[in-house]
Amino acid sequence: MRNATTAVKNNFRVIEGDNNKQSTDNGELQKLPVMKSIKEMVELTGLSYMHLRNLCLENKIVHIRAGKKYLINYDRFCDYLNGIG
């Protein structure tokens, strides 16, 4: 891991570093996607919970399921709202 430091906080070892970038095989850095829950997206966008959930169920927006929770790709959702892609 590059630019990472290890610190002890509340008896847990925490690796601190640049979490926004991920290295690829050819040495280039790639930005990690920002994933938000439906509840977080409701607060950010003002759209209803059921509308966002239905967009996920209809596969109209980029999302993943983690157990029962839907995580929406924030950047791709902004593109969806702007009519891109």
N, C-alpha and C. Protein backbone atom coordinates (compact mmCIF):
# COMPACT_ATOMS: atom_id res chain seq x y z
N MET A 1 0.84 -1.18 0.00
CA MET A 1 0.00 0.00 0.00
C MET A 1 0.87 1.24 0.00
N ARG A 2 0.59 2.13 -0.88
CA ARG A 2 1.36 3.36 -0.95
C ARG A 2 0.70 4.43 -0.10
N ASN A 3 1.51 5.28 0.48
CA ASN A 3 1.03 6.43 1.25
C ASN A 3 0.07 6.03 2.37
N ALA A 4 0.29 4.88 2.97
CA ALA A 4 -0.58 4.43 4.05
C ALA A 4 0.20 4.46 5.36
N THR A 5 -0.46 4.86 6.41
CA THR A 5 0.14 4.86 7.73
C THR A 5 -0.74 4.02 8.64
N THR A 6 -0.11 3.42 9.63
CA THR A 6 -0.85 2.62 10.59
C THR A 6 -0.92 3.35 11.90
N ALA A 7 -2.10 3.45 12.47
CA ALA A 7 -2.29 4.12 13.75
C ALA A 7 -3.18 3.24 14.61
N VAL A 8 -3.08 3.43 15.93
CA VAL A 8 -3.92 2.69 16.85
C VAL A 8 -4.96 3.65 17.41
N LYS A 9 -6.23 3.34 17.18
CA LYS A 9 -7.32 4.17 17.67
C LYS A 9 -8.31 3.27 18.39
N ASN A 10 -8.60 3.58 19.62
CA ASN A 10 -9.56 2.81 20.43
C ASN A 10 -9.24 1.32 20.40
N ASN A 11 -7.95 1.00 20.57
CA ASN A 11 -7.46 -0.39 20.61
C ASN A 11 -7.65 -1.15 19.30
N PHE A 12 -7.88 -0.45 18.19
CA PHE A 12 -7.97 -1.07 16.88
C PHE A 12 -6.86 -0.51 16.01
N ARG A 13 -6.25 -1.37 15.22
CA ARG A 13 -5.24 -0.91 14.29
C ARG A 13 -5.96 -0.39 13.05
N VAL A 14 -5.70 0.85 12.67
CA VAL A 14 -6.36 1.50 11.56
C VAL A 14 -5.31 1.83 10.51
N ILE A 15 -5.57 1.43 9.29
CA ILE A 15 -4.68 1.78 8.18
C ILE A 15 -5.26 3.00 7.51
N GLU A 16 -4.51 4.08 7.58
CA GLU A 16 -4.96 5.33 6.97
C GLU A 16 -4.20 5.55 5.69
N GLY A 17 -4.90 5.95 4.67
CA GLY A 17 -4.26 6.20 3.39
C GLY A 17 -5.23 6.87 2.45
N ASP A 18 -4.90 6.87 1.19
CA ASP A 18 -5.75 7.47 0.17
C ASP A 18 -6.76 6.42 -0.29
N ASN A 19 -7.97 6.48 0.26
CA ASN A 19 -9.00 5.49 -0.06
C ASN A 19 -9.71 5.77 -1.36
N ASN A 20 -9.44 6.89 -2.00
CA ASN A 20 -10.14 7.25 -3.22
C ASN A 20 -9.47 6.69 -4.47
N LYS A 21 -8.32 6.06 -4.32
CA LYS A 21 -7.60 5.58 -5.49
C LYS A 21 -7.24 4.12 -5.31
N GLN A 22 -7.21 3.39 -6.44
CA GLN A 22 -6.87 1.99 -6.45
C GLN A 22 -5.88 1.78 -7.58
N SER A 23 -4.79 1.05 -7.31
CA SER A 23 -3.79 0.85 -8.36
C SER A 23 -4.23 -0.28 -9.28
N THR A 24 -3.86 -0.17 -10.55
CA THR A 24 -4.16 -1.19 -11.54
C THR A 24 -2.86 -1.89 -11.92
N ASP A 25 -2.92 -2.88 -12.78
CA ASP A 25 -1.75 -3.66 -13.16
C ASP A 25 -0.69 -2.83 -13.87
N ASN A 26 -1.10 -1.83 -14.64
CA ASN A 26 -0.13 -1.05 -15.39
C ASN A 26 0.38 0.16 -14.61
N GLY A 27 0.11 0.23 -13.32
CA GLY A 27 0.65 1.29 -12.49
C GLY A 27 -0.20 2.54 -12.41
N GLU A 28 -1.26 2.63 -13.20
CA GLU A 28 -2.12 3.81 -13.15
C GLU A 28 -3.04 3.72 -11.95
N LEU A 29 -3.46 4.87 -11.45
CA LEU A 29 -4.39 4.90 -10.33
C LEU A 29 -5.80 5.13 -10.85
N GLN A 30 -6.74 4.41 -10.27
CA GLN A 30 -8.13 4.49 -10.69
C GLN A 30 -8.97 4.90 -9.49
N LYS A 31 -9.92 5.79 -9.70
CA LYS A 31 -10.78 6.27 -8.63
C LYS A 31 -11.81 5.20 -8.27
N LEU A 32 -11.98 4.95 -6.96
CA LEU A 32 -12.99 4.01 -6.51
C LEU A 32 -14.36 4.65 -6.57
N PRO A 33 -15.41 3.87 -6.86
CA PRO A 33 -16.75 4.45 -6.93
C PRO A 33 -17.27 4.83 -5.55
N VAL A 34 -18.07 5.88 -5.51
CA VAL A 34 -18.70 6.31 -4.27
C VAL A 34 -20.07 5.66 -4.22
N MET A 35 -20.29 4.81 -3.22
CA MET A 35 -21.54 4.09 -3.10
C MET A 35 -22.33 4.66 -1.93
N LYS A 36 -23.61 4.94 -2.16
CA LYS A 36 -24.48 5.51 -1.13
C LYS A 36 -25.70 4.62 -0.96
N SER A 37 -26.20 4.53 0.26
CA SER A 37 -27.43 3.78 0.51
C SER A 37 -28.62 4.58 -0.01
N ILE A 38 -29.76 3.93 -0.09
CA ILE A 38 -30.95 4.63 -0.57
C ILE A 38 -31.31 5.77 0.37
N LYS A 39 -31.17 5.55 1.67
CA LYS A 39 -31.49 6.61 2.64
C LYS A 39 -30.58 7.81 2.46
N GLU A 40 -29.30 7.58 2.19
CA GLU A 40 -28.38 8.69 1.95
C GLU A 40 -28.75 9.42 0.66
N MET A 41 -29.17 8.67 -0.36
CA MET A 41 -29.55 9.29 -1.62
C MET A 41 -30.83 10.10 -1.48
N VAL A 42 -31.74 9.66 -0.61
CA VAL A 42 -32.96 10.43 -0.35
C VAL A 42 -32.59 11.80 0.20
N GLU A 43 -31.64 11.83 1.16
CA GLU A 43 -31.21 13.10 1.75
C GLU A 43 -30.50 13.99 0.74
N LEU A 44 -29.72 13.38 -0.15
CA LEU A 44 -28.95 14.16 -1.13
C LEU A 44 -29.80 14.70 -2.27
N THR A 45 -30.78 13.90 -2.72
CA THR A 45 -31.51 14.27 -3.93
C THR A 45 -32.92 14.80 -3.67
N GLY A 46 -33.54 14.40 -2.57
CA GLY A 46 -34.92 14.79 -2.32
C GLY A 46 -35.93 13.87 -2.98
N LEU A 47 -35.46 12.85 -3.70
CA LEU A 47 -36.37 11.86 -4.29
C LEU A 47 -36.86 10.94 -3.19
N SER A 48 -38.00 10.31 -3.41
CA SER A 48 -38.56 9.43 -2.38
C SER A 48 -37.81 8.11 -2.32
N TYR A 49 -37.89 7.48 -1.17
CA TYR A 49 -37.24 6.19 -0.95
C TYR A 49 -37.78 5.15 -1.92
N MET A 50 -39.11 5.09 -2.07
CA MET A 50 -39.71 4.09 -2.95
C MET A 50 -39.34 4.31 -4.41
N HIS A 51 -39.22 5.56 -4.83
CA HIS A 51 -38.84 5.83 -6.22
C HIS A 51 -37.42 5.33 -6.49
N LEU A 52 -36.49 5.63 -5.57
CA LEU A 52 -35.12 5.15 -5.74
C LEU A 52 -35.05 3.63 -5.69
N ARG A 53 -35.81 3.03 -4.80
CA ARG A 53 -35.84 1.57 -4.69
C ARG A 53 -36.39 0.96 -5.98
N ASN A 54 -37.44 1.55 -6.54
CA ASN A 54 -38.00 1.04 -7.80
C ASN A 54 -37.01 1.18 -8.94
N LEU A 55 -36.23 2.26 -8.97
CA LEU A 55 -35.19 2.40 -10.00
C LEU A 55 -34.17 1.27 -9.89
N CYS A 56 -33.85 0.88 -8.67
CA CYS A 56 -32.93 -0.25 -8.46
C CYS A 56 -33.57 -1.55 -8.92
N LEU A 57 -34.81 -1.78 -8.54
CA LEU A 57 -35.49 -3.02 -8.90
C LEU A 57 -35.66 -3.16 -10.41
N GLU A 58 -35.83 -2.04 -11.10
CA GLU A 58 -35.99 -2.06 -12.55
C GLU A 58 -34.66 -1.98 -13.29
N ASN A 59 -33.55 -1.97 -12.53
CA ASN A 59 -32.19 -1.89 -13.09
C ASN A 59 -31.99 -0.67 -13.98
N LYS A 60 -32.60 0.44 -13.61
CA LYS A 60 -32.44 1.67 -14.38
C LYS A 60 -31.23 2.47 -13.92
N ILE A 61 -30.74 2.20 -12.71
CA ILE A 61 -29.56 2.88 -12.19
C ILE A 61 -28.54 1.84 -11.75
N VAL A 62 -27.28 2.25 -11.72
CA VAL A 62 -26.20 1.34 -11.32
C VAL A 62 -26.22 1.18 -9.81
N HIS A 63 -26.34 -0.07 -9.36
CA HIS A 63 -26.41 -0.35 -7.93
C HIS A 63 -25.90 -1.77 -7.67
N ILE A 64 -25.66 -2.06 -6.40
CA ILE A 64 -25.36 -3.42 -5.97
C ILE A 64 -26.19 -3.68 -4.71
N ARG A 65 -26.37 -4.95 -4.40
CA ARG A 65 -27.06 -5.32 -3.17
C ARG A 65 -26.05 -5.90 -2.21
N ALA A 66 -26.08 -5.41 -0.99
CA ALA A 66 -25.26 -5.95 0.09
C ALA A 66 -26.24 -6.46 1.14
N GLY A 67 -26.59 -7.74 1.06
CA GLY A 67 -27.64 -8.28 1.92
C GLY A 67 -28.97 -7.72 1.48
N LYS A 68 -29.66 -7.06 2.39
CA LYS A 68 -30.94 -6.43 2.06
C LYS A 68 -30.78 -4.99 1.59
N LYS A 69 -29.58 -4.45 1.75
CA LYS A 69 -29.33 -3.04 1.48
C LYS A 69 -28.92 -2.82 0.02
N TYR A 70 -29.47 -1.77 -0.58
CA TYR A 70 -29.08 -1.36 -1.93
C TYR A 70 -28.05 -0.24 -1.81
N LEU A 71 -26.95 -0.37 -2.54
CA LEU A 71 -25.94 0.68 -2.59
C LEU A 71 -25.89 1.21 -4.02
N ILE A 72 -26.09 2.50 -4.15
CA ILE A 72 -26.19 3.15 -5.46
C ILE A 72 -24.88 3.86 -5.76
N ASN A 73 -24.39 3.68 -6.98
CA ASN A 73 -23.19 4.38 -7.43
C ASN A 73 -23.55 5.85 -7.63
N TYR A 74 -23.00 6.71 -6.79
CA TYR A 74 -23.39 8.13 -6.78
C TYR A 74 -23.05 8.84 -8.10
N ASP A 75 -21.85 8.63 -8.61
CA ASP A 75 -21.44 9.31 -9.84
C ASP A 75 -22.30 8.88 -11.03
N ARG A 76 -22.57 7.59 -11.14
CA ARG A 76 -23.41 7.09 -12.23
C ARG A 76 -24.85 7.57 -12.08
N PHE A 77 -25.33 7.72 -10.82
CA PHE A 77 -26.67 8.22 -10.62
C PHE A 77 -26.77 9.68 -11.08
N CYS A 78 -25.74 10.47 -10.80
CA CYS A 78 -25.71 11.86 -11.29
C CYS A 78 -25.76 11.88 -12.82
N ASP A 79 -25.04 10.96 -13.47
CA ASP A 79 -25.09 10.86 -14.92
C ASP A 79 -26.50 10.49 -15.37
N TYR A 80 -27.15 9.59 -14.65
CA TYR A 80 -28.52 9.19 -14.99
C TYR A 80 -29.46 10.39 -14.92
N LEU A 81 -29.33 11.20 -13.86
CA LEU A 81 -30.17 12.37 -13.72
C LEU A 81 -29.92 13.41 -14.81
N ASN A 82 -28.67 13.48 -15.29
CA ASN A 82 -28.33 14.42 -16.34
C ASN A 82 -28.61 13.88 -17.73
N GLY A 83 -29.08 12.65 -17.81
CA GLY A 83 -29.40 12.07 -19.11
C GLY A 83 -28.22 11.53 -19.87
N ILE A 84 -27.12 11.29 -19.17
CA ILE A 84 -25.92 10.76 -19.82
C ILE A 84 -25.90 9.24 -19.62
N GLY A 85 -25.68 8.53 -20.71
CA GLY A 85 -25.55 7.07 -20.62
C GLY A 85 -26.83 6.43 -20.54
